[in-house]
Protein backbone atom coordinates (compact mmCIF):
# COMPACT_ATOMS: atom_id res chain seq x y z
CA MET A 1 0.15 -0.05 -0.01
CA LYS A 2 1.36 3.34 -1.01
CA ASN A 3 0.67 5.94 1.75
CA LEU A 4 1.66 10.29 1.42
CA ALA A 5 3.35 11.67 4.29
CA ILE A 6 2.83 14.47 5.05
CA ASP A 7 5.46 16.77 7.75
CA THR A 8 4.67 20.37 9.27
CA SER A 9 5.69 19.97 12.86
CA SER A 10 8.19 22.58 12.25
CA GLU A 11 10.41 24.97 10.02
CA VAL A 12 10.53 22.46 7.54
CA CYS A 13 7.55 21.13 5.51
CA GLY A 14 7.85 17.96 3.77
CA VAL A 15 6.27 15.21 2.44
CA ALA A 16 6.74 11.82 1.55
CA ILE A 17 5.62 8.55 -1.18
CA LEU A 18 6.06 5.47 1.06
CA GLU A 19 5.25 1.56 0.04
CA ASP A 20 5.21 -0.37 2.75
CA ASP A 21 8.32 0.77 4.66
CA LYS A 22 10.39 1.43 1.89
CA LEU A 23 10.66 5.15 0.93
CA ILE A 24 9.66 5.72 -2.82
CA ASP A 25 10.26 10.09 -2.94
CA ASP A 26 9.97 12.86 -1.09
CA ASN A 27 10.23 16.49 -0.75
CA SER A 28 10.58 19.44 1.93
CA LEU A 29 11.06 22.87 1.85
CA ASN A 30 13.26 24.65 4.45
CA ASN A 31 11.21 28.10 4.12
CA GLY A 32 10.14 28.81 7.88
CA LYS A 33 7.19 28.92 8.62
CA THR A 34 5.39 29.31 5.06
CA HIS A 35 3.58 25.95 5.15
CA SER A 36 -0.11 27.10 3.98
CA GLU A 37 1.21 28.29 0.92
CA ASN A 38 3.97 25.62 -0.08
CA LEU A 39 2.16 22.63 1.18
CA MET A 40 0.47 21.53 -2.10
CA PRO A 41 2.50 22.73 -4.61
CA LEU A 42 5.04 20.16 -2.63
CA ILE A 43 2.86 17.24 -2.58
CA LYS A 44 1.84 17.95 -6.23
CA GLU A 45 5.67 17.43 -7.19
CA VAL A 46 5.92 14.60 -5.62
CA LEU A 47 3.06 12.81 -7.10
CA GLU A 48 3.79 14.39 -10.47
CA ARG A 49 7.08 13.19 -10.12
CA ASN A 50 5.78 9.09 -9.68
CA ASN A 51 2.79 10.06 -11.95
CA LEU A 52 0.52 9.55 -8.99
CA SER A 53 -2.71 11.42 -8.28
CA LEU A 54 -4.81 12.01 -5.01
CA LYS A 55 -7.09 9.72 -6.35
CA ASP A 56 -4.93 6.55 -5.93
CA TYR A 57 -4.85 7.34 -1.82
CA ASN A 58 -6.99 6.34 0.34
CA PHE A 59 -7.33 9.34 3.31
CA HIS A 60 -6.70 8.77 7.07
CA GLN A 61 -5.51 10.79 9.60
CA LYS A 62 -2.62 9.92 11.96
CA PHE A 63 -1.70 13.00 14.45
CA ARG A 64 1.51 13.49 16.56
CA THR A 65 2.21 15.62 19.50
CA TYR A 66 5.66 16.42 20.67
CA THR A 67 5.97 18.10 24.12
């Protein structure tokens, strides 16, 4: 199963495609706290590089908090 992982927990905004536990591709940007401007273009870029679209995924939420 392919998973789209999204990390916005720090100044680095990152997305990755994983299949089972194997990293297929990733993309990140360290532009400070500009995630609202950069997240969707990062997702689009990594999906397009792998000939995928959001329709290829079943989405679920997984939250982690660090204190």
